[in-house]
Amino acid sequence: MKLRDSFPFPGRRQRILFLCTGNSCRSQMAEGWTRALKADLFEAWSAGIEARGLDPLAVQVMAEAGVDISAQQSKRLDELGDRPFDVVVTVCDHARETCPVFPGTVRRVHRSFDDPPRLAAAARTVEEALAHYRRVRDEIRAFVERLPESLEEPAPPVS
């Protein structure tokens, strides 16, 4: 049975975790978009293999789009305790490669998004840096807007 065939779950939303390396940007954006756009279907969380702090440029570009993630906290996966998840989405290759085993019937999905801080490091201006953040923000939004169907789609090829 496909995941979308089981929506909505009787009496509860699906618990979805967005996992990234540092839980500072991409996974935070995904959590914010899911809370803003799909709160009726999903209870969204994010975490990282490590916690690097919330990226202020991620906060800025999400605010530009009308989503406030400033109160979200950067956290390591182990800080979530034994919270059960229905779906774990890794949003970077490093998280996919180091993702731990989750107990139960957790569906694992991988969607790699470019790393805005890495791309912005070569930017000559703040506007040029922000353009990378905005592009990735919009790509993550498109993925979240198509939930739960996007969980069934094959990952796009790496360019």
Protein backbone atom coordinates (compact mmCIF):
# COMPACT_ATOMS: atom_id res chain seq x y z
CA MET A 1 0.00 0.00 0.00
CA LYS A 2 1.33 3.43 -0.89
CA LEU A 3 1.69 5.99 1.89
CA ARG A 4 -0.80 8.38 0.29
CA ASP A 5 -3.47 5.64 0.30
CA SER A 6 -3.37 5.61 4.08
CA PHE A 7 -4.13 9.33 4.52
CA PRO A 8 -5.62 10.60 6.63
CA PHE A 9 -4.73 8.37 9.53
CA PRO A 10 -7.73 7.94 11.77
CA GLY A 11 -7.41 10.27 14.72
CA ARG A 12 -3.88 11.52 14.11
CA ARG A 13 -1.52 13.23 11.75
CA GLN A 14 1.58 11.53 10.36
CA ARG A 15 4.75 12.28 12.33
CA ILE A 16 7.41 13.40 9.84
CA LEU A 17 11.05 14.11 10.60
CA PHE A 18 13.30 16.12 8.29
CA LEU A 19 16.89 15.12 8.90
CA CYS A 20 20.00 17.00 7.77
CA THR A 21 23.62 17.31 8.82
CA GLY A 22 23.49 20.42 11.01
CA ASN A 23 19.76 21.15 11.41
CA SER A 24 20.46 24.78 10.63
CA CYS A 25 18.90 25.45 7.24
CA ARG A 26 17.30 22.87 4.90
CA SER A 27 15.64 20.67 7.51
CA GLN A 28 14.49 23.79 9.37
CA MET A 29 12.91 25.15 6.19
CA ALA A 30 11.19 21.83 5.54
CA GLU A 31 9.80 21.73 9.07
CA GLY A 32 8.58 25.32 8.75
CA TRP A 33 6.92 24.74 5.38
CA THR A 34 5.25 21.55 6.60
CA ARG A 35 3.88 23.27 9.69
CA ALA A 36 2.63 26.17 7.56
CA LEU A 37 1.20 24.22 4.62
CA LYS A 38 0.41 20.68 5.78
CA ALA A 39 -0.40 20.89 9.49
CA ASP A 40 -3.67 19.07 8.81
CA LEU A 41 -1.77 15.96 7.63
CA PHE A 42 1.60 16.11 9.37
CA GLU A 43 3.19 16.76 12.73
CA ALA A 44 6.57 18.09 11.58
CA TRP A 45 9.95 17.87 13.29
CA SER A 46 13.51 18.47 12.22
CA ALA A 47 16.88 17.40 13.58
CA GLY A 48 20.47 16.97 12.56
CA ILE A 49 23.32 14.57 12.91
CA GLU A 50 24.72 17.53 14.87
CA ALA A 51 23.23 20.89 15.91
CA ARG A 52 24.88 23.92 14.33
CA GLY A 53 22.37 26.59 15.32
CA LEU A 54 19.60 28.16 13.29
CA ASP A 55 20.95 29.90 10.16
CA PRO A 56 19.86 33.57 10.25
CA LEU A 57 19.67 33.75 6.45
CA ALA A 58 17.31 30.76 6.44
CA VAL A 59 15.15 32.58 8.99
CA GLN A 60 15.24 35.70 6.80
CA VAL A 61 14.21 34.05 3.53
CA MET A 62 11.48 32.03 5.20
CA ALA A 63 10.11 35.24 6.75
CA GLU A 64 10.10 36.81 3.28
CA ALA A 65 7.79 33.96 2.24
CA GLY A 66 5.54 34.48 5.27
CA VAL A 67 6.79 31.59 7.43
CA ASP A 68 8.37 32.38 10.80
CA ILE A 69 10.92 29.75 11.83
CA SER A 70 12.75 32.00 14.30
CA ALA A 71 11.43 30.08 17.32
CA GLN A 72 12.55 26.70 15.97
CA GLN A 73 15.60 25.20 17.66
CA SER A 74 18.56 23.47 16.07
CA LYS A 75 18.81 20.04 17.66
CA ARG A 76 20.54 16.70 17.32
CA LEU A 77 18.50 13.64 16.54
CA ASP A 78 19.19 12.15 19.97
CA GLU A 79 17.53 15.19 21.58
CA LEU A 80 14.17 13.99 20.24
CA GLY A 81 14.29 10.98 22.56
CA ASP A 82 12.18 7.95 21.71
CA ARG A 83 9.61 9.93 19.74
CA PRO A 84 8.17 7.64 17.07
CA PHE A 85 8.09 8.83 13.46
CA ASP A 86 6.07 7.55 10.53
CA VAL A 87 8.30 9.14 7.90
CA VAL A 88 11.93 10.27 7.96
CA VAL A 89 13.03 12.49 5.09
CA THR A 90 16.76 13.03 4.70
CA VAL A 91 17.35 16.33 2.91
CA CYS A 92 21.09 15.98 2.31
CA ASP A 93 23.35 13.15 1.22
CA HIS A 94 25.42 13.13 4.42
CA ALA A 95 22.29 12.61 6.54
CA ARG A 96 21.17 9.78 4.26
CA GLU A 97 24.56 8.09 4.56
CA THR A 98 24.69 8.41 8.35
CA CYS A 99 20.99 8.10 9.14
CA PRO A 100 20.47 5.73 12.05
CA VAL A 101 18.06 2.85 12.09
CA PHE A 102 14.63 3.78 13.42
CA PRO A 103 12.51 1.25 15.27
CA GLY A 104 9.19 0.09 13.89
CA THR A 105 7.83 0.70 10.44
CA VAL A 106 9.41 4.04 9.62
CA ARG A 107 9.33 5.00 5.98
CA ARG A 108 12.65 6.55 4.88
CA VAL A 109 12.66 8.95 1.95
CA HIS A 110 15.63 10.85 0.54
CA ARG A 111 15.38 14.22 -1.20
CA SER A 112 18.69 16.00 -1.49
CA PHE A 113 18.58 19.79 -1.66
CA ASP A 114 21.59 22.00 -2.29
CA ASP A 115 23.26 23.46 0.81
CA PRO A 116 22.63 27.24 0.79
CA PRO A 117 25.48 28.14 3.19
CA ARG A 118 27.96 26.21 1.04
CA LEU A 119 26.71 27.88 -2.14
CA ALA A 120 26.60 31.31 -0.50
CA ALA A 121 30.22 31.03 0.65
CA ALA A 122 31.34 31.98 -2.87
CA ALA A 123 28.85 34.85 -3.20
CA ARG A 124 30.26 38.33 -3.71
CA THR A 125 27.26 40.14 -2.20
CA VAL A 126 24.57 39.44 0.38
CA GLU A 127 21.96 39.55 -2.38
CA GLU A 128 23.85 36.92 -4.32
CA ALA A 129 24.02 34.76 -1.19
CA LEU A 130 20.32 35.22 -0.51
CA ALA A 131 19.51 34.08 -4.05
CA HIS A 132 20.87 30.61 -3.18
CA TYR A 133 18.76 30.48 0.00
CA ARG A 134 15.64 31.61 -1.85
CA ARG A 135 16.05 29.01 -4.59
CA VAL A 136 16.44 26.15 -2.11
CA ARG A 137 13.58 27.54 0.01
CA ASP A 138 11.33 27.43 -3.05
CA GLU A 139 12.44 23.91 -4.00
CA ILE A 140 11.65 22.68 -0.49
CA ARG A 141 8.28 24.43 -0.58
CA ALA A 142 7.43 22.66 -3.86
CA PHE A 143 8.31 19.30 -2.27
CA VAL A 144 6.18 20.02 0.81
CA GLU A 145 3.24 21.33 -1.23
CA ARG A 146 3.04 17.93 -2.94
CA LEU A 147 2.99 15.95 0.33
CA PRO A 148 2.09 13.15 0.74
CA GLU A 149 2.41 12.36 -2.99
CA SER A 150 5.98 13.65 -3.15
CA LEU A 151 7.02 10.90 -0.73
CA GLU A 152 6.24 8.35 -3.46
CA GLU A 153 8.06 10.14 -6.27
CA PRO A 154 11.51 8.94 -7.29
CA ALA A 155 14.27 11.30 -6.26
CA PRO A 156 15.28 13.63 -9.09
CA PRO A 157 18.65 12.86 -10.69
CA VAL A 158 21.67 14.61 -9.28
CA SER A 159 22.84 17.31 -11.67
